[in-house]
């Protein structure tokens, strides 16, 4: 199987399980035994899953159908919008001390991606992914340390999943597209599939 065909197959696998986990997350959010903060948290995660899926479809179109920077930029902006929902859910219901600092910062970066020249955009993406890559896993590690039982296990699973997921996101960058195609086309979707699966499993696993 050619490199691009294998990459396409991997991304299609990711699309399918994203839809499946998104539906499971919505069902969990609508559960009758949840309190309002828990419901808002799971709804935010469900929105992230589906928004990120849309972003990945634009990346897919760019990678395999039409190498037009418009589709890349659109995927990047939509992808960051998806992360905004994750950050909002966490800062509203888990780590309220941050006062929505990371959510607001990400929105500012999205605005900058829209208005600034194209040659600056890869650097902006690297910065924001690095910030999120530090903040999100640390929050769940902190929750895991402070908790016990299944809540601890789930939090640590989510932290590991996010870390692997963001490694895959970083591997799917313009730099690797031109310098290390195996990393871009194969390692990236593999990490995103594995990290996404661990992350989503930690979310839906009973606490």
N, C-alpha and C. Protein backbone atom coordinates (compact mmCIF):
# COMPACT_ATOMS: atom_id res chain seq x y z
N UNK A 1 0.84 -1.19 0.00
CA UNK A 1 0.00 0.00 0.00
C UNK A 1 0.88 1.25 0.00
N UNK A 2 0.60 2.19 -0.90
CA UNK A 2 1.38 3.41 -1.00
C UNK A 2 1.23 4.24 0.27
N UNK A 3 2.20 5.12 0.48
CA UNK A 3 2.21 5.97 1.68
C UNK A 3 0.93 6.78 1.81
N UNK A 4 0.52 7.42 0.72
CA UNK A 4 -0.67 8.27 0.78
C UNK A 4 -1.94 7.43 1.01
N UNK A 5 -1.99 6.24 0.42
CA UNK A 5 -3.17 5.39 0.61
C UNK A 5 -3.27 4.92 2.06
N UNK A 6 -2.12 4.56 2.65
CA UNK A 6 -2.12 4.16 4.05
C UNK A 6 -2.53 5.32 4.94
N UNK A 7 -2.03 6.50 4.64
CA UNK A 7 -2.39 7.69 5.41
C UNK A 7 -3.88 7.98 5.30
N UNK A 8 -4.42 7.88 4.11
CA UNK A 8 -5.86 8.10 3.92
C UNK A 8 -6.66 7.10 4.75
N UNK A 9 -6.24 5.84 4.75
CA UNK A 9 -6.95 4.81 5.51
C UNK A 9 -6.91 5.12 7.01
N UNK A 10 -5.76 5.57 7.50
CA UNK A 10 -5.63 5.91 8.91
C UNK A 10 -6.55 7.07 9.30
N UNK A 11 -6.60 8.09 8.45
CA UNK A 11 -7.46 9.23 8.75
C UNK A 11 -8.93 8.83 8.70
N UNK A 12 -9.30 7.95 7.78
CA UNK A 12 -10.68 7.50 7.71
C UNK A 12 -11.07 6.71 8.96
N UNK A 13 -10.12 5.93 9.48
CA UNK A 13 -10.35 5.23 10.75
C UNK A 13 -10.61 6.24 11.85
N UNK A 14 -9.78 7.29 11.87
CA UNK A 14 -9.96 8.33 12.89
C UNK A 14 -11.31 9.01 12.76
N UNK A 15 -11.74 9.30 11.53
CA UNK A 15 -13.05 9.93 11.32
C UNK A 15 -14.16 9.05 11.88
N UNK A 16 -14.07 7.76 11.62
CA UNK A 16 -15.13 6.85 12.06
C UNK A 16 -15.21 6.77 13.58
N UNK A 17 -14.07 6.60 14.23
CA UNK A 17 -14.16 6.46 15.68
C UNK A 17 -14.45 7.80 16.35
N UNK A 18 -14.14 8.92 15.69
CA UNK A 18 -14.52 10.23 16.24
C UNK A 18 -16.03 10.37 16.27
N UNK A 19 -16.69 9.95 15.19
CA UNK A 19 -18.16 9.99 15.15
C UNK A 19 -18.74 9.11 16.25
N UNK A 20 -18.17 7.91 16.39
CA UNK A 20 -18.67 6.99 17.41
C UNK A 20 -18.51 7.54 18.82
N UNK A 21 -17.32 8.05 19.13
CA UNK A 21 -17.09 8.61 20.46
C UNK A 21 -17.89 9.89 20.68
N UNK A 22 -18.08 10.67 19.63
CA UNK A 22 -18.89 11.88 19.76
C UNK A 22 -20.31 11.56 20.15
N UNK A 23 -20.87 10.51 19.53
CA UNK A 23 -22.23 10.09 19.87
C UNK A 23 -22.29 9.58 21.32
N UNK A 24 -21.28 8.80 21.71
CA UNK A 24 -21.23 8.31 23.09
C UNK A 24 -21.13 9.46 24.09
N UNK A 25 -20.35 10.49 23.72
CA UNK A 25 -20.19 11.63 24.62
C UNK A 25 -21.50 12.40 24.78
N UNK A 26 -22.25 12.54 23.69
CA UNK A 26 -23.55 13.21 23.77
C UNK A 26 -24.50 12.42 24.66
N UNK A 27 -24.50 11.11 24.49
CA UNK A 27 -25.35 10.26 25.34
C UNK A 27 -24.97 10.40 26.81
N UNK A 28 -23.67 10.46 27.07
CA UNK A 28 -23.21 10.63 28.46
C UNK A 28 -23.64 11.99 29.00
N UNK A 29 -23.53 13.03 28.17
CA UNK A 29 -23.91 14.38 28.59
C UNK A 29 -25.39 14.49 28.91
N UNK A 30 -26.21 13.68 28.23
CA UNK A 30 -27.65 13.73 28.43
C UNK A 30 -28.14 12.77 29.50
N UNK A 31 -27.20 12.12 30.18
CA UNK A 31 -27.57 11.18 31.23
C UNK A 31 -28.34 11.86 32.35
N UNK A 32 -29.36 11.20 32.89
CA UNK A 32 -30.23 11.83 33.90
C UNK A 32 -29.56 12.03 35.25
N UNK A 33 -28.45 11.33 35.52
CA UNK A 33 -27.84 11.39 36.85
C UNK A 33 -26.73 12.42 36.95
N UNK A 34 -26.52 13.23 35.91
CA UNK A 34 -25.45 14.22 35.93
C UNK A 34 -25.93 15.55 36.49
N UNK A 35 -25.04 16.20 37.24
CA UNK A 35 -25.31 17.56 37.66
C UNK A 35 -24.94 18.52 36.54
N UNK A 36 -25.39 19.77 36.66
CA UNK A 36 -25.20 20.74 35.58
C UNK A 36 -23.73 20.94 35.18
N UNK A 37 -22.79 21.11 36.13
CA UNK A 37 -21.38 21.27 35.72
C UNK A 37 -20.85 20.07 34.94
N UNK A 38 -21.23 18.85 35.35
CA UNK A 38 -20.79 17.66 34.64
C UNK A 38 -21.38 17.63 33.23
N UNK A 39 -22.65 17.99 33.12
CA UNK A 39 -23.31 18.00 31.82
C UNK A 39 -22.63 19.00 30.87
N UNK A 40 -22.33 20.19 31.39
CA UNK A 40 -21.66 21.21 30.58
C UNK A 40 -20.27 20.72 30.14
N UNK A 41 -19.59 20.04 31.03
CA UNK A 41 -18.25 19.52 30.73
C UNK A 41 -18.31 18.52 29.57
N UNK A 42 -19.23 17.57 29.65
CA UNK A 42 -19.32 16.56 28.60
C UNK A 42 -19.86 17.13 27.29
N UNK A 43 -20.74 18.11 27.36
CA UNK A 43 -21.22 18.76 26.14
C UNK A 43 -20.06 19.48 25.46
N UNK A 44 -19.23 20.17 26.25
CA UNK A 44 -18.05 20.84 25.69
C UNK A 44 -17.12 19.86 25.00
N UNK A 45 -16.92 18.69 25.59
CA UNK A 45 -16.06 17.67 24.99
C UNK A 45 -16.68 17.11 23.70
N UNK A 46 -18.00 16.92 23.71
CA UNK A 46 -18.68 16.42 22.51
C UNK A 46 -18.56 17.42 21.37
N UNK A 47 -18.73 18.71 21.67
CA UNK A 47 -18.58 19.74 20.64
C UNK A 47 -17.16 19.73 20.09
N UNK A 48 -16.17 19.60 21.00
CA UNK A 48 -14.78 19.52 20.55
C UNK A 48 -14.57 18.39 19.56
N UNK A 49 -15.11 17.22 19.87
CA UNK A 49 -14.90 16.05 19.01
C UNK A 49 -15.41 16.32 17.60
N UNK A 50 -16.61 16.88 17.49
CA UNK A 50 -17.20 17.08 16.17
C UNK A 50 -16.56 18.27 15.43
N UNK A 51 -16.20 19.33 16.17
CA UNK A 51 -15.53 20.47 15.52
C UNK A 51 -14.15 20.04 15.02
N UNK A 52 -13.44 19.28 15.85
CA UNK A 52 -12.11 18.80 15.43
C UNK A 52 -12.24 17.88 14.22
N UNK A 53 -13.29 17.09 14.17
CA UNK A 53 -13.52 16.23 13.01
C UNK A 53 -13.67 17.05 11.74
N UNK A 54 -14.43 18.15 11.80
CA UNK A 54 -14.58 19.04 10.64
C UNK A 54 -13.24 19.60 10.23
N UNK A 55 -12.43 20.03 11.21
CA UNK A 55 -11.10 20.56 10.91
C UNK A 55 -10.25 19.52 10.20
N UNK A 56 -10.31 18.29 10.68
CA UNK A 56 -9.50 17.22 10.07
C UNK A 56 -9.96 16.91 8.64
N UNK A 57 -11.22 17.09 8.36
CA UNK A 57 -11.72 16.88 7.00
C UNK A 57 -11.10 17.91 6.05
N UNK A 58 -10.96 19.16 6.51
CA UNK A 58 -10.31 20.17 5.67
C UNK A 58 -8.83 19.85 5.48
N UNK A 59 -8.17 19.38 6.53
CA UNK A 59 -6.78 18.96 6.39
C UNK A 59 -6.67 17.80 5.40
N UNK A 60 -7.60 16.87 5.50
CA UNK A 60 -7.64 15.71 4.60
C UNK A 60 -7.77 16.17 3.15
N UNK A 61 -8.64 17.14 2.93
CA UNK A 61 -8.83 17.68 1.58
C UNK A 61 -7.54 18.32 1.08
N UNK A 62 -6.86 19.04 1.97
CA UNK A 62 -5.59 19.67 1.60
C UNK A 62 -4.52 18.62 1.27
N UNK A 63 -4.43 17.58 2.09
CA UNK A 63 -3.37 16.57 1.94
C UNK A 63 -3.53 15.74 0.68
N UNK A 64 -4.77 15.40 0.33
CA UNK A 64 -4.97 14.37 -0.70
C UNK A 64 -5.73 14.83 -1.94
N UNK A 65 -6.33 16.01 -1.90
CA UNK A 65 -7.16 16.43 -3.04
C UNK A 65 -6.68 17.74 -3.65
N UNK A 66 -6.50 18.77 -2.84
CA UNK A 66 -6.15 20.08 -3.39
C UNK A 66 -5.22 20.81 -2.42
N UNK A 67 -3.94 20.90 -2.78
CA UNK A 67 -2.97 21.58 -1.92
C UNK A 67 -3.14 23.09 -2.09
N UNK A 68 -4.14 23.58 -1.42
CA UNK A 68 -4.45 25.02 -1.43
C UNK A 68 -4.39 25.51 0.01
N UNK A 69 -3.59 26.54 0.26
CA UNK A 69 -3.39 27.02 1.62
C UNK A 69 -4.70 27.40 2.31
N UNK A 70 -5.72 27.73 1.53
CA UNK A 70 -7.01 28.09 2.12
C UNK A 70 -7.56 26.96 2.98
N UNK A 71 -7.46 25.71 2.49
CA UNK A 71 -7.99 24.57 3.22
C UNK A 71 -7.16 24.30 4.48
N UNK A 72 -5.84 24.49 4.38
CA UNK A 72 -4.98 24.33 5.56
C UNK A 72 -5.35 25.36 6.63
N UNK A 73 -5.44 26.61 6.22
CA UNK A 73 -5.76 27.68 7.17
C UNK A 73 -7.12 27.46 7.81
N UNK A 74 -8.08 27.02 6.99
CA UNK A 74 -9.43 26.78 7.52
C UNK A 74 -9.41 25.64 8.54
N UNK A 75 -8.65 24.59 8.23
CA UNK A 75 -8.53 23.48 9.16
C UNK A 75 -7.89 23.91 10.47
N UNK A 76 -6.85 24.76 10.37
CA UNK A 76 -6.16 25.24 11.58
C UNK A 76 -7.08 26.08 12.45
N UNK A 77 -7.83 26.98 11.83
CA UNK A 77 -8.72 27.86 12.58
C UNK A 77 -9.86 27.06 13.23
N UNK A 78 -10.47 26.16 12.47
CA UNK A 78 -11.56 25.35 13.02
C UNK A 78 -11.03 24.44 14.12
N UNK A 79 -9.82 23.87 13.92
CA UNK A 79 -9.23 23.01 14.93
C UNK A 79 -9.02 23.73 16.25
N UNK A 80 -8.52 24.96 16.17
CA UNK A 80 -8.33 25.75 17.39
C UNK A 80 -9.66 26.13 18.03
N UNK A 81 -10.68 26.37 17.21
CA UNK A 81 -12.02 26.63 17.76
C UNK A 81 -12.52 25.42 18.56
N UNK A 82 -12.22 24.23 18.04
CA UNK A 82 -12.59 23.02 18.77
C UNK A 82 -11.90 22.96 20.12
N UNK A 83 -10.62 23.31 20.15
CA UNK A 83 -9.87 23.30 21.40
C UNK A 83 -10.43 24.32 22.39
N UNK A 84 -10.97 25.43 21.86
CA UNK A 84 -11.58 26.43 22.73
C UNK A 84 -12.69 25.80 23.58
N UNK A 85 -13.47 24.90 23.00
CA UNK A 85 -14.56 24.26 23.75
C UNK A 85 -14.00 23.37 24.86
N UNK A 86 -12.88 22.69 24.59
CA UNK A 86 -12.24 21.88 25.62
C UNK A 86 -11.76 22.77 26.76
N UNK A 87 -11.04 23.83 26.39
CA UNK A 87 -10.50 24.74 27.40
C UNK A 87 -11.62 25.37 28.23
N UNK A 88 -12.69 25.79 27.55
CA UNK A 88 -13.81 26.41 28.27
C UNK A 88 -14.43 25.42 29.25
N UNK A 89 -14.63 24.18 28.80
CA UNK A 89 -15.23 23.17 29.67
C UNK A 89 -14.35 22.93 30.90
N UNK A 90 -13.04 22.90 30.69
CA UNK A 90 -12.12 22.66 31.81
C UNK A 90 -12.06 23.86 32.74
N UNK A 91 -11.93 25.06 32.16
CA UNK A 91 -11.78 26.25 32.99
C UNK A 91 -13.08 26.63 33.70
N UNK A 92 -14.19 26.19 33.18
CA UNK A 92 -15.48 26.48 33.84
C UNK A 92 -15.80 25.47 34.93
N UNK A 93 -15.38 24.21 34.73
CA UNK A 93 -15.84 23.16 35.63
C UNK A 93 -14.75 22.42 36.40
N UNK A 94 -13.49 22.56 35.99
CA UNK A 94 -12.42 21.81 36.65
C UNK A 94 -11.38 22.74 37.26
N UNK A 95 -10.81 23.62 36.44
CA UNK A 95 -9.74 24.51 36.91
C UNK A 95 -10.21 25.95 36.79
N UNK A 96 -11.03 26.36 37.73
CA UNK A 96 -11.65 27.69 37.66
C UNK A 96 -10.69 28.81 38.05
N UNK A 97 -9.55 28.46 38.66
CA UNK A 97 -8.60 29.48 39.09
C UNK A 97 -8.02 30.28 37.92
N UNK A 98 -7.98 29.68 36.75
CA UNK A 98 -7.36 30.34 35.59
C UNK A 98 -8.22 31.47 35.03
N UNK A 99 -9.52 31.54 35.46
CA UNK A 99 -10.42 32.63 35.04
C UNK A 99 -10.52 32.74 33.51
N UNK A 100 -10.55 31.60 32.83
CA UNK A 100 -10.70 31.53 31.37
C UNK A 100 -9.50 32.14 30.62
N UNK A 101 -8.34 32.21 31.28
CA UNK A 101 -7.15 32.78 30.66
C UNK A 101 -6.77 32.04 29.38
N UNK A 102 -6.78 30.71 29.43
CA UNK A 102 -6.34 29.93 28.29
C UNK A 102 -7.38 29.95 27.17
N UNK A 103 -8.65 29.97 27.54
CA UNK A 103 -9.70 30.09 26.52
C UNK A 103 -9.58 31.41 25.77
N UNK A 104 -9.41 32.50 26.50
CA UNK A 104 -9.29 33.82 25.88
C UNK A 104 -8.01 33.91 25.04
N UNK A 105 -6.92 33.37 25.57
CA UNK A 105 -5.65 33.39 24.83
C UNK A 105 -5.78 32.66 23.50
N UNK A 106 -6.44 31.51 23.52
CA UNK A 106 -6.61 30.75 22.28
C UNK A 106 -7.48 31.52 21.28
N UNK A 107 -8.52 32.19 21.75
CA UNK A 107 -9.35 33.01 20.87
C UNK A 107 -8.54 34.14 20.23
N UNK A 108 -7.64 34.72 21.01
CA UNK A 108 -6.77 35.78 20.47
C UNK A 108 -5.86 35.22 19.39
N UNK A 109 -5.31 34.02 19.62
CA UNK A 109 -4.45 33.39 18.62
C UNK A 109 -5.24 33.08 17.34
N UNK A 110 -6.49 32.66 17.49
CA UNK A 110 -7.32 32.40 16.31
C UNK A 110 -7.50 33.68 15.50
N UNK A 111 -7.78 34.78 16.18
CA UNK A 111 -7.91 36.07 15.49
C UNK A 111 -6.62 36.44 14.78
N UNK A 112 -5.49 36.19 15.42
CA UNK A 112 -4.19 36.49 14.81
C UNK A 112 -3.95 35.63 13.58
N UNK A 113 -4.37 34.37 13.64
CA UNK A 113 -4.21 33.49 12.47
C UNK A 113 -5.00 34.00 11.27
N UNK A 114 -6.12 34.66 11.56
CA UNK A 114 -6.97 35.16 10.49
C UNK A 114 -6.39 36.42 9.85
N UNK A 115 -5.81 37.30 10.65
CA UNK A 115 -5.44 38.62 10.13
C UNK A 115 -3.95 38.77 9.81
N UNK A 116 -3.09 37.92 10.37
CA UNK A 116 -1.65 38.10 10.16
C UNK A 116 -1.18 37.43 8.87
N UNK A 117 -0.02 37.81 8.34
CA UNK A 117 0.50 37.23 7.09
C UNK A 117 0.74 35.73 7.21
N UNK A 118 0.66 35.02 6.09
CA UNK A 118 0.77 33.55 6.11
C UNK A 118 2.08 33.03 6.69
N UNK A 119 3.20 33.72 6.47
CA UNK A 119 4.49 33.19 6.93
C UNK A 119 4.62 33.17 8.45
N UNK A 120 3.77 33.90 9.14
CA UNK A 120 3.80 33.92 10.60
C UNK A 120 2.95 32.80 11.20
N UNK A 121 1.99 32.31 10.45
CA UNK A 121 1.00 31.37 10.98
C UNK A 121 1.60 30.08 11.54
N UNK A 122 2.59 29.45 10.88
CA UNK A 122 3.17 28.23 11.47
C UNK A 122 3.77 28.46 12.85
N UNK A 123 4.38 29.62 13.05
CA UNK A 123 4.97 29.92 14.35
C UNK A 123 3.89 30.10 15.42
N UNK A 124 2.80 30.76 15.03
CA UNK A 124 1.68 30.94 15.96
C UNK A 124 1.09 29.60 16.37
N UNK A 125 0.91 28.71 15.39
CA UNK A 125 0.36 27.39 15.69
C UNK A 125 1.28 26.63 16.63
N UNK A 126 2.59 26.73 16.41
CA UNK A 126 3.55 26.05 17.28
C UNK A 126 3.46 26.57 18.71
N UNK A 127 3.33 27.89 18.85
CA UNK A 127 3.24 28.49 20.18
C UNK A 127 1.99 28.04 20.92
N UNK A 128 0.84 28.12 20.26
CA UNK A 128 -0.41 27.80 20.94
C UNK A 128 -0.51 26.31 21.25
N UNK A 129 -0.01 25.46 20.33
CA UNK A 129 -0.03 24.01 20.61
C UNK A 129 0.89 23.70 21.78
N UNK A 130 2.01 24.40 21.89
CA UNK A 130 2.93 24.19 23.01
C UNK A 130 2.27 24.59 24.33
N UNK A 131 1.58 25.73 24.33
CA UNK A 131 0.90 26.19 25.55
C UNK A 131 -0.17 25.19 25.98
N UNK A 132 -1.00 24.79 25.02
CA UNK A 132 -2.06 23.83 25.32
C UNK A 132 -1.48 22.49 25.72
N UNK A 133 -0.36 22.11 25.05
CA UNK A 133 0.29 20.84 25.34
C UNK A 133 0.85 20.76 26.75
N UNK A 134 1.15 21.89 27.34
CA UNK A 134 1.61 21.93 28.73
C UNK A 134 0.42 22.01 29.68
N UNK A 135 -0.53 22.88 29.37
CA UNK A 135 -1.64 23.16 30.28
C UNK A 135 -2.58 21.96 30.46
N UNK A 136 -3.07 21.40 29.37
CA UNK A 136 -4.10 20.37 29.47
C UNK A 136 -3.64 19.12 30.22
N UNK A 137 -2.50 18.50 29.85
CA UNK A 137 -2.09 17.30 30.60
C UNK A 137 -1.83 17.59 32.07
N UNK A 138 -1.23 18.75 32.37
CA UNK A 138 -0.93 19.09 33.77
C UNK A 138 -2.20 19.21 34.59
N UNK A 139 -3.26 19.76 34.00
CA UNK A 139 -4.53 19.89 34.72
C UNK A 139 -5.05 18.51 35.12
N UNK A 140 -5.03 17.57 34.17
CA UNK A 140 -5.57 16.25 34.47
C UNK A 140 -4.65 15.46 35.40
N UNK A 141 -3.34 15.68 35.31
CA UNK A 141 -2.43 15.08 36.28
C UNK A 141 -2.73 15.62 37.68
N UNK A 142 -2.96 16.92 37.76
CA UNK A 142 -3.29 17.56 39.04
C UNK A 142 -4.58 16.96 39.61
N UNK A 143 -5.61 16.82 38.77
CA UNK A 143 -6.88 16.22 39.22
C UNK A 143 -6.65 14.79 39.67
N UNK A 144 -5.82 14.05 38.92
CA UNK A 144 -5.53 12.67 39.28
C UNK A 144 -4.84 12.55 40.63
N UNK A 145 -3.88 13.44 40.89
CA UNK A 145 -3.16 13.42 42.16
C UNK A 145 -4.09 13.73 43.32
N UNK A 146 -5.02 14.65 43.11
CA UNK A 146 -5.93 15.08 44.16
C UNK A 146 -7.10 14.11 44.37
N UNK A 147 -7.28 13.18 43.44
CA UNK A 147 -8.44 12.28 43.50
C UNK A 147 -7.99 10.87 43.86
N UNK A 148 -8.93 9.95 43.77
CA UNK A 148 -8.62 8.55 44.05
C UNK A 148 -9.57 7.66 43.23
N UNK A 149 -9.28 6.38 43.20
CA UNK A 149 -10.13 5.43 42.50
C UNK A 149 -10.19 5.67 41.00
N UNK A 150 -11.39 5.47 40.44
CA UNK A 150 -11.56 5.60 38.99
C UNK A 150 -11.33 7.02 38.49
N UNK A 151 -11.65 8.02 39.33
CA UNK A 151 -11.43 9.41 38.91
C UNK A 151 -9.95 9.64 38.66
N UNK A 152 -9.10 9.12 39.54
CA UNK A 152 -7.65 9.25 39.35
C UNK A 152 -7.21 8.54 38.07
N UNK A 153 -7.67 7.30 37.89
CA UNK A 153 -7.28 6.53 36.70
C UNK A 153 -7.74 7.24 35.43
N UNK A 154 -8.98 7.72 35.43
CA UNK A 154 -9.51 8.39 34.25
C UNK A 154 -8.73 9.67 33.94
N UNK A 155 -8.40 10.44 34.96
CA UNK A 155 -7.67 11.69 34.77
C UNK A 155 -6.29 11.42 34.18
N UNK A 156 -5.61 10.40 34.68
CA UNK A 156 -4.28 10.08 34.16
C UNK A 156 -4.36 9.53 32.74
N UNK A 157 -5.40 8.74 32.46
CA UNK A 157 -5.61 8.27 31.09
C UNK A 157 -5.81 9.45 30.14
N UNK A 158 -6.63 10.40 30.55
CA UNK A 158 -6.90 11.57 29.72
C UNK A 158 -5.62 12.36 29.49
N UNK A 159 -4.81 12.53 30.55
CA UNK A 159 -3.55 13.27 30.43
C UNK A 159 -2.62 12.61 29.42
N UNK A 160 -2.47 11.30 29.52
CA UNK A 160 -1.61 10.56 28.57
C UNK A 160 -2.17 10.66 27.16
N UNK A 161 -3.49 10.51 27.03
CA UNK A 161 -4.12 10.59 25.72
C UNK A 161 -3.92 11.94 25.07
N UNK A 162 -4.10 13.02 25.84
CA UNK A 162 -3.91 14.38 25.30
C UNK A 162 -2.48 14.57 24.83
N UNK A 163 -1.52 14.09 25.63
CA UNK A 163 -0.11 14.26 25.28
C UNK A 163 0.22 13.56 23.96
N UNK A 164 -0.22 12.32 23.80
CA UNK A 164 0.04 11.59 22.55
C UNK A 164 -0.70 12.25 21.39
N UNK A 165 -1.93 12.67 21.65
CA UNK A 165 -2.75 13.35 20.65
C UNK A 165 -2.05 14.61 20.13
N UNK A 166 -1.50 15.42 21.05
CA UNK A 166 -0.84 16.65 20.65
C UNK A 166 0.50 16.40 19.95
N UNK A 167 1.14 15.28 20.27
CA UNK A 167 2.34 14.89 19.51
C UNK A 167 1.94 14.65 18.05
N UNK A 168 0.81 13.97 17.86
CA UNK A 168 0.31 13.76 16.50
C UNK A 168 -0.05 15.05 15.81
N UNK A 169 -0.64 15.98 16.55
CA UNK A 169 -0.99 17.29 15.99
C UNK A 169 0.28 18.03 15.55
N UNK A 170 1.31 17.97 16.39
CA UNK A 170 2.57 18.64 16.07
C UNK A 170 3.22 18.01 14.84
N UNK A 171 3.13 16.69 14.73
CA UNK A 171 3.71 15.99 13.59
C UNK A 171 3.01 16.34 12.28
N UNK A 172 1.75 16.76 12.38
CA UNK A 172 1.00 17.16 11.19
C UNK A 172 1.16 18.66 10.98
N UNK A 173 2.40 19.08 10.70
CA UNK A 173 2.71 20.49 10.51
C UNK A 173 3.32 20.71 9.13
N UNK A 174 3.31 21.96 8.70
CA UNK A 174 3.84 22.30 7.37
C UNK A 174 5.31 21.93 7.25
N UNK A 175 6.05 22.00 8.35
CA UNK A 175 7.48 21.66 8.32
C UNK A 175 7.68 20.20 7.94
N UNK A 176 6.94 19.31 8.61
CA UNK A 176 7.08 17.87 8.32
C UNK A 176 6.49 17.52 6.96
N UNK A 177 5.52 18.30 6.48
CA UNK A 177 4.93 18.05 5.17
C UNK A 177 5.99 18.10 4.07
N UNK A 178 6.98 18.97 4.24
CA UNK A 178 8.01 19.15 3.21
C UNK A 178 9.33 18.46 3.53
N UNK A 179 9.57 18.14 4.82
CA UNK A 179 10.88 17.59 5.18
C UNK A 179 10.85 16.14 5.66
N UNK A 180 9.73 15.69 6.19
CA UNK A 180 9.66 14.32 6.72
C UNK A 180 8.25 13.78 6.48
N UNK A 181 8.02 13.34 5.27
CA UNK A 181 6.66 12.96 4.88
C UNK A 181 6.14 11.76 5.66
N UNK A 182 7.03 10.84 6.08
CA UNK A 182 6.57 9.68 6.85
C UNK A 182 5.99 10.12 8.19
N UNK A 183 6.66 11.09 8.83
CA UNK A 183 6.15 11.63 10.09
C UNK A 183 4.80 12.30 9.86
N UNK A 184 4.72 13.09 8.80
CA UNK A 184 3.50 13.86 8.51
C UNK A 184 2.33 12.94 8.15
N UNK A 185 2.56 11.99 7.25
CA UNK A 185 1.46 11.19 6.72
C UNK A 185 1.15 9.93 7.55
N UNK A 186 2.11 9.40 8.29
CA UNK A 186 1.88 8.14 9.00
C UNK A 186 1.94 8.30 10.52
N UNK A 187 3.05 8.86 11.02
CA UNK A 187 3.20 9.00 12.47
C UNK A 187 2.10 9.90 13.05
N UNK A 188 1.79 10.99 12.34
CA UNK A 188 0.76 11.92 12.83
C UNK A 188 -0.59 11.25 13.03
N UNK A 189 -1.17 10.60 12.01
CA UNK A 189 -2.48 9.98 12.26
C UNK A 189 -2.44 8.84 13.27
N UNK A 190 -1.33 8.09 13.31
CA UNK A 190 -1.22 7.01 14.29
C UNK A 190 -1.26 7.57 15.70
N UNK A 191 -0.48 8.63 15.96
CA UNK A 191 -0.48 9.25 17.29
C UNK A 191 -1.84 9.85 17.64
N UNK A 192 -2.48 10.48 16.65
CA UNK A 192 -3.79 11.08 16.91
C UNK A 192 -4.83 10.01 17.18
N UNK A 193 -4.76 8.88 16.47
CA UNK A 193 -5.70 7.78 16.72
C UNK A 193 -5.48 7.19 18.11
N UNK A 194 -4.22 6.88 18.43
CA UNK A 194 -3.93 6.27 19.74
C UNK A 194 -4.25 7.25 20.87
N UNK A 195 -3.74 8.48 20.74
CA UNK A 195 -3.99 9.47 21.77
C UNK A 195 -5.46 9.80 21.91
N UNK A 196 -6.15 9.93 20.77
CA UNK A 196 -7.58 10.21 20.80
C UNK A 196 -8.36 9.09 21.46
N UNK A 197 -7.98 7.85 21.16
CA UNK A 197 -8.69 6.71 21.75
C UNK A 197 -8.51 6.69 23.27
N UNK A 198 -7.27 6.90 23.75
CA UNK A 198 -7.02 6.92 25.20
C UNK A 198 -7.77 8.08 25.85
N UNK A 199 -7.72 9.24 25.22
CA UNK A 199 -8.40 10.44 25.72
C UNK A 199 -9.90 10.22 25.82
N UNK A 200 -10.51 9.75 24.73
CA UNK A 200 -11.95 9.54 24.72
C UNK A 200 -12.37 8.43 25.68
N UNK A 201 -11.55 7.39 25.77
CA UNK A 201 -11.87 6.29 26.69
C UNK A 201 -11.86 6.78 28.13
N UNK A 202 -10.88 7.64 28.46
CA UNK A 202 -10.84 8.21 29.80
C UNK A 202 -12.06 9.06 30.10
N UNK A 203 -12.62 9.69 29.07
CA UNK A 203 -13.81 10.52 29.26
C UNK A 203 -15.08 9.71 29.50
N UNK A 204 -15.23 8.62 28.76
CA UNK A 204 -16.48 7.85 28.85
C UNK A 204 -16.41 6.74 29.89
N UNK A 205 -15.23 6.45 30.38
CA UNK A 205 -15.07 5.39 31.38
C UNK A 205 -15.80 5.77 32.66
N UNK A 206 -16.51 4.84 33.29
CA UNK A 206 -17.25 5.17 34.52
C UNK A 206 -16.31 5.72 35.59
N UNK A 207 -16.77 6.75 36.29
CA UNK A 207 -15.97 7.34 37.35
C UNK A 207 -16.54 6.99 38.74
